[in-house]
Amino acid sequence: MGSDDSKPVSDERVRLTALQAVFSGMQVRADPLRSLNDSFPEKPKPGDLFFPDAFSDESVYEVIGKPMNKAESWAAEDIITGKTSDTRQVRIKVFRWPNENDDGLLVALQYTFLGANPAMSCPSIGVLIRLTRKLADWEVRNEYLLETMHHHSVQMVQLLDLTGDGRDEQW
């Protein structure tokens, strides 16, 4: 795997295209004035355990649309009022899928729903999605939902060749 494949994509057009493919038919917009850092503790003291937020330097996007699945329904709910939010605050890291040139992407997402007060069974969503291009359109090829129980953040996101052979593995 070349070094360019292992670095996150910074091209904003590619990032927005990936978000629009993941959240098909929904309104997607960058929120340049908003930043999020879910590191814990936020300002660690010497000797503290520290859990960094892998997405703390990423842009925040608003994605508006109804929850797409059961996990999103749980994360979008206010358990006191029973109301559901349609607005996600999403942060992403996008990587080019090795050996697929510009026709494959790996998208790591971390998001919550604005105004939601969800149960601890799903306070936020972490998900990995593989996108493939079919002509001019992108489609979700694989999706892996991270454990939702007490999920607040992801500490690290990297693209690695675990076998060291430079070839795509089955996923």
C-alpha atoms as a PDB file:
ATOM      1  CA  MET A   1       0.000   0.000   0.000  1.00  0.00           C
ATOM      2  CA  GLY A   2       1.504   3.325  -1.056  1.00  0.00           C
ATOM      3  CA  SER A   3       1.924   6.119   1.446  1.00  0.00           C
ATOM      4  CA  ASP A   4      -0.694   8.251  -0.361  1.00  0.00           C
ATOM      5  CA  ASP A   5      -3.298   5.517   0.214  1.00  0.00           C
ATOM      6  CA  SER A   6      -2.766   5.552   3.958  1.00  0.00           C
ATOM      7  CA  LYS A   7      -3.312   9.314   4.389  1.00  0.00           C
ATOM      8  CA  PRO A   8      -6.817  10.767   4.794  1.00  0.00           C
ATOM      9  CA  VAL A   9      -8.254  12.596   1.792  1.00  0.00           C
ATOM     10  CA  SER A  10      -8.337  16.354   2.361  1.00  0.00           C
ATOM     11  CA  ASP A  11     -10.099  17.303  -0.899  1.00  0.00           C
ATOM     12  CA  GLU A  12     -13.400  18.807   0.260  1.00  0.00           C
ATOM     13  CA  ARG A  13     -15.218  17.780  -2.942  1.00  0.00           C
ATOM     14  CA  VAL A  14     -14.330  14.126  -2.359  1.00  0.00           C
ATOM     15  CA  ARG A  15     -15.367  14.361   1.308  1.00  0.00           C
ATOM     16  CA  LEU A  16     -18.755  15.918   0.412  1.00  0.00           C
ATOM     17  CA  THR A  17     -19.292  13.361  -2.355  1.00  0.00           C
ATOM     18  CA  ALA A  18     -18.618  10.563   0.151  1.00  0.00           C
ATOM     19  CA  LEU A  19     -21.088  12.060   2.640  1.00  0.00           C
ATOM     20  CA  GLN A  20     -23.745  12.422  -0.051  1.00  0.00           C
ATOM     21  CA  ALA A  21     -23.251   8.763  -1.029  1.00  0.00           C
ATOM     22  CA  VAL A  22     -23.505   7.579   2.584  1.00  0.00           C
ATOM     23  CA  PHE A  23     -26.536   9.760   3.338  1.00  0.00           C
ATOM     24  CA  SER A  24     -28.247   9.421  -0.033  1.00  0.00           C
ATOM     25  CA  GLY A  25     -31.082  11.875  -0.632  1.00  0.00           C
ATOM     26  CA  MET A  26     -30.326  13.915   2.488  1.00  0.00           C
ATOM     27  CA  GLN A  27     -29.239  17.539   2.815  1.00  0.00           C
ATOM     28  CA  VAL A  28     -25.489  17.747   3.523  1.00  0.00           C
ATOM     29  CA  ARG A  29     -23.657  20.964   4.368  1.00  0.00           C
ATOM     30  CA  ALA A  30     -20.385  21.925   5.986  1.00  0.00           C
ATOM     31  CA  ASP A  31     -20.595  23.857   9.252  1.00  0.00           C
ATOM     32  CA  PRO A  32     -17.261  25.733   9.214  1.00  0.00           C
ATOM     33  CA  LEU A  33     -17.933  27.616  12.456  1.00  0.00           C
ATOM     34  CA  ARG A  34     -18.517  24.459  14.489  1.00  0.00           C
ATOM     35  CA  SER A  35     -15.795  22.278  15.956  1.00  0.00           C
ATOM     36  CA  LEU A  36     -16.056  19.272  18.232  1.00  0.00           C
ATOM     37  CA  ASN A  37     -13.554  17.583  20.499  1.00  0.00           C
ATOM     38  CA  ASP A  38     -14.782  14.556  22.427  1.00  0.00           C
ATOM     39  CA  SER A  39     -11.393  13.782  23.985  1.00  0.00           C
ATOM     40  CA  PHE A  40     -11.597  12.674  27.610  1.00  0.00           C
ATOM     41  CA  PRO A  41     -10.596  14.333  29.756  1.00  0.00           C
ATOM     42  CA  GLU A  42     -10.643  17.482  27.659  1.00  0.00           C
ATOM     43  CA  LYS A  43      -7.558  18.874  29.410  1.00  0.00           C
ATOM     44  CA  PRO A  44      -5.697  15.929  30.975  1.00  0.00           C
ATOM     45  CA  LYS A  45      -3.421  16.417  33.943  1.00  0.00           C
ATOM     46  CA  PRO A  46      -0.069  14.614  34.139  1.00  0.00           C
ATOM     47  CA  GLY A  47      -0.673  10.947  34.908  1.00  0.00           C
ATOM     48  CA  ASP A  48      -4.351  10.989  33.781  1.00  0.00           C
ATOM     49  CA  LEU A  49      -5.612   8.328  31.407  1.00  0.00           C
ATOM     50  CA  PHE A  50      -6.307  10.116  28.146  1.00  0.00           C
ATOM     51  CA  PHE A  51      -8.691   9.064  25.413  1.00  0.00           C
ATOM     52  CA  PRO A  52      -8.084  11.295  22.353  1.00  0.00           C
ATOM     53  CA  ASP A  53     -10.798  12.053  19.819  1.00  0.00           C
ATOM     54  CA  ALA A  54      -9.602  10.869  16.387  1.00  0.00           C
ATOM     55  CA  PHE A  55     -11.946  13.351  14.703  1.00  0.00           C
ATOM     56  CA  SER A  56     -11.109  16.446  16.787  1.00  0.00           C
ATOM     57  CA  ASP A  57      -9.343  18.157  13.848  1.00  0.00           C
ATOM     58  CA  GLU A  58     -12.036  17.307  11.301  1.00  0.00           C
ATOM     59  CA  SER A  59     -14.709  19.567   9.856  1.00  0.00           C
ATOM     60  CA  VAL A  60     -18.238  19.235  11.175  1.00  0.00           C
ATOM     61  CA  TYR A  61     -21.041  18.628   8.692  1.00  0.00           C
ATOM     62  CA  GLU A  62     -24.783  18.810   9.202  1.00  0.00           C
ATOM     63  CA  VAL A  63     -26.754  16.034   7.571  1.00  0.00           C
ATOM     64  CA  ILE A  64     -30.527  16.426   7.682  1.00  0.00           C
ATOM     65  CA  GLY A  65     -32.811  13.455   7.128  1.00  0.00           C
ATOM     66  CA  LYS A  66     -34.829  10.834   8.977  1.00  0.00           C
ATOM     67  CA  PRO A  67     -32.933   8.082  10.846  1.00  0.00           C
ATOM     68  CA  MET A  68     -31.975   5.299   8.415  1.00  0.00           C
ATOM     69  CA  ASN A  69     -31.866   2.293  10.742  1.00  0.00           C
ATOM     70  CA  LYS A  70     -32.494   1.096  14.305  1.00  0.00           C
ATOM     71  CA  ALA A  71     -29.170   2.380  15.699  1.00  0.00           C
ATOM     72  CA  GLU A  72     -29.815   5.835  14.257  1.00  0.00           C
ATOM     73  CA  SER A  73     -33.362   5.790  15.660  1.00  0.00           C
ATOM     74  CA  TRP A  74     -31.938   5.114  19.122  1.00  0.00           C
ATOM     75  CA  ALA A  75     -29.246   7.807  18.767  1.00  0.00           C
ATOM     76  CA  ALA A  76     -31.762  10.380  17.437  1.00  0.00           C
ATOM     77  CA  GLU A  77     -34.271   9.954  20.265  1.00  0.00           C
ATOM     78  CA  ASP A  78     -34.892  12.148  23.273  1.00  0.00           C
ATOM     79  CA  ILE A  79     -35.749   9.508  25.877  1.00  0.00           C
ATOM     80  CA  ILE A  80     -37.618  12.037  28.044  1.00  0.00           C
ATOM     81  CA  THR A  81     -39.857  13.681  25.432  1.00  0.00           C
ATOM     82  CA  GLY A  82     -39.943  10.873  22.863  1.00  0.00           C
ATOM     83  CA  LYS A  83     -39.103  13.350  20.072  1.00  0.00           C
ATOM     84  CA  THR A  84     -36.677  12.389  17.332  1.00  0.00           C
ATOM     85  CA  SER A  85     -33.989  14.575  15.768  1.00  0.00           C
ATOM     86  CA  ASP A  86     -33.363  14.619  12.018  1.00  0.00           C
ATOM     87  CA  THR A  87     -30.105  16.594  12.213  1.00  0.00           C
ATOM     88  CA  ARG A  88     -26.785  14.805  12.493  1.00  0.00           C
ATOM     89  CA  GLN A  89     -23.469  16.484  13.362  1.00  0.00           C
ATOM     90  CA  VAL A  90     -21.035  14.357  11.397  1.00  0.00           C
ATOM     91  CA  ARG A  91     -17.253  14.206  11.330  1.00  0.00           C
ATOM     92  CA  ILE A  92     -15.429  12.007   8.842  1.00  0.00           C
ATOM     93  CA  LYS A  93     -12.107  10.697   7.687  1.00  0.00           C
ATOM     94  CA  VAL A  94     -11.967   9.503   4.086  1.00  0.00           C
ATOM     95  CA  PHE A  95      -9.272   7.212   2.664  1.00  0.00           C
ATOM     96  CA  ARG A  96      -8.742   5.995  -0.897  1.00  0.00           C
ATOM     97  CA  TRP A  97      -9.240   2.228  -1.040  1.00  0.00           C
ATOM     98  CA  PRO A  98      -5.872   0.613  -1.932  1.00  0.00           C
ATOM     99  CA  ASN A  99      -5.383  -0.534  -5.519  1.00  0.00           C
ATOM    100  CA  GLU A 100      -8.709   0.954  -6.693  1.00  0.00           C
ATOM    101  CA  ASN A 101      -7.343   4.307  -7.890  1.00  0.00           C
ATOM    102  CA  ASP A 102     -10.220   6.779  -7.551  1.00  0.00           C
ATOM    103  CA  ASP A 103     -12.991   4.156  -7.624  1.00  0.00           C
ATOM    104  CA  GLY A 104     -12.969   3.076  -3.968  1.00  0.00           C
ATOM    105  CA  LEU A 105     -13.158   4.909  -0.655  1.00  0.00           C
ATOM    106  CA  LEU A 106     -13.185   3.976   3.006  1.00  0.00           C
ATOM    107  CA  VAL A 107     -15.214   6.444   5.070  1.00  0.00           C
ATOM    108  CA  ALA A 108     -14.945   6.491   8.869  1.00  0.00           C
ATOM    109  CA  LEU A 109     -17.762   8.472  10.484  1.00  0.00           C
ATOM    110  CA  GLN A 110     -18.519   9.647  14.008  1.00  0.00           C
ATOM    111  CA  TYR A 111     -21.789  11.472  14.642  1.00  0.00           C
ATOM    112  CA  THR A 112     -24.536  12.460  17.032  1.00  0.00           C
ATOM    113  CA  PHE A 113     -27.985  13.916  16.527  1.00  0.00           C
ATOM    114  CA  LEU A 114     -28.541  17.549  17.534  1.00  0.00           C
ATOM    115  CA  GLY A 115     -31.086  17.974  20.315  1.00  0.00           C
ATOM    116  CA  ALA A 116     -31.204  14.252  21.047  1.00  0.00           C
ATOM    117  CA  ASN A 117     -30.999  12.831  24.550  1.00  0.00           C
ATOM    118  CA  PRO A 118     -30.469   9.151  23.728  1.00  0.00           C
ATOM    119  CA  ALA A 119     -30.179   6.192  26.053  1.00  0.00           C
ATOM    120  CA  MET A 120     -26.641   5.067  26.857  1.00  0.00           C
ATOM    121  CA  SER A 121     -27.250   2.080  24.592  1.00  0.00           C
ATOM    122  CA  CYS A 122     -26.541   4.429  21.669  1.00  0.00           C
ATOM    123  CA  PRO A 123     -25.328   7.936  22.572  1.00  0.00           C
ATOM    124  CA  SER A 124     -23.541   8.308  19.221  1.00  0.00           C
ATOM    125  CA  ILE A 125     -22.763   6.441  16.026  1.00  0.00           C
ATOM    126  CA  GLY A 126     -19.386   5.241  14.796  1.00  0.00           C
ATOM    127  CA  VAL A 127     -19.394   3.469  11.454  1.00  0.00           C
ATOM    128  CA  LEU A 128     -16.994   2.363   8.701  1.00  0.00           C
ATOM    129  CA  ILE A 129     -18.304   2.388   5.141  1.00  0.00           C
ATOM    130  CA  ARG A 130     -16.684   1.210   1.936  1.00  0.00           C
ATOM    131  CA  LEU A 131     -17.851   3.092  -1.146  1.00  0.00           C
ATOM    132  CA  THR A 132     -17.307   2.000  -4.734  1.00  0.00           C
ATOM    133  CA  ARG A 133     -17.888   4.026  -7.868  1.00  0.00           C
ATOM    134  CA  LYS A 134     -20.159   2.666 -10.571  1.00  0.00           C
ATOM    135  CA  LEU A 135     -19.740   4.981 -13.553  1.00  0.00           C
ATOM    136  CA  ALA A 136     -20.596   8.435 -12.115  1.00  0.00           C
ATOM    137  CA  ASP A 137     -22.403   7.176  -8.989  1.00  0.00           C
ATOM    138  CA  TRP A 138     -21.038   6.044  -5.640  1.00  0.00           C
ATOM    139  CA  GLU A 139     -22.677   3.199  -3.735  1.00  0.00           C
ATOM    140  CA  VAL A 140     -22.230   1.633  -0.320  1.00  0.00           C
ATOM    141  CA  ARG A 141     -20.503  -1.710  -0.787  1.00  0.00           C
ATOM    142  CA  ASN A 142     -19.912  -2.632   2.884  1.00  0.00           C
ATOM    143  CA  GLU A 143     -20.845  -1.108   6.221  1.00  0.00           C
ATOM    144  CA  TYR A 144     -19.600  -1.881   9.729  1.00  0.00           C
ATOM    145  CA  LEU A 145     -21.373  -0.307  12.705  1.00  0.00           C
ATOM    146  CA  LEU A 146     -19.100   0.075  15.728  1.00  0.00           C
ATOM    147  CA  GLU A 147     -20.447  -1.085  19.099  1.00  0.00           C
ATOM    148  CA  THR A 148     -23.036   1.473  20.200  1.00  0.00           C
ATOM    149  CA  MET A 149     -23.221   0.754  23.952  1.00  0.00           C
ATOM    150  CA  HIS A 150     -21.771   3.800  25.787  1.00  0.00           C
ATOM    151  CA  HIS A 151     -20.106   4.875  22.513  1.00  0.00           C
ATOM    152  CA  HIS A 152     -18.933   8.490  22.638  1.00  0.00           C
ATOM    153  CA  SER A 153     -15.868   8.689  20.424  1.00  0.00           C
ATOM    154  CA  VAL A 154     -13.209   6.886  18.419  1.00  0.00           C
ATOM    155  CA  GLN A 155      -9.636   7.230  19.635  1.00  0.00           C
ATOM    156  CA  MET A 156      -7.767   6.398  16.409  1.00  0.00           C
ATOM    157  CA  VAL A 157      -8.509   5.968  12.698  1.00  0.00           C
ATOM    158  CA  GLN A 158      -5.820   4.632  10.347  1.00  0.00           C
ATOM    159  CA  LEU A 159      -5.682   2.684   7.121  1.00  0.00           C
ATOM    160  CA  LEU A 160      -3.132  -0.119   7.473  1.00  0.00           C
ATOM    161  CA  ASP A 161      -1.962  -3.076   5.401  1.00  0.00           C
ATOM    162  CA  LEU A 162      -2.013  -5.685   8.175  1.00  0.00           C
ATOM    163  CA  THR A 163      -0.555  -8.482   6.065  1.00  0.00           C
ATOM    164  CA  GLY A 164       2.137  -6.311   4.450  1.00  0.00           C
ATOM    165  CA  ASP A 165       1.528  -7.779   0.995  1.00  0.00           C
ATOM    166  CA  GLY A 166       0.045  -4.641  -0.576  1.00  0.00           C
ATOM    167  CA  ARG A 167      -3.040  -6.550  -1.753  1.00  0.00           C
ATOM    168  CA  ASP A 168      -6.690  -5.965  -0.971  1.00  0.00           C
ATOM    169  CA  GLU A 169      -8.090  -8.380   1.584  1.00  0.00           C
ATOM    170  CA  GLN A 170     -11.655  -9.680   1.570  1.00  0.00           C
ATOM    171  CA  TRP A 171     -13.956  -7.579   3.717  1.00  0.00           C
END
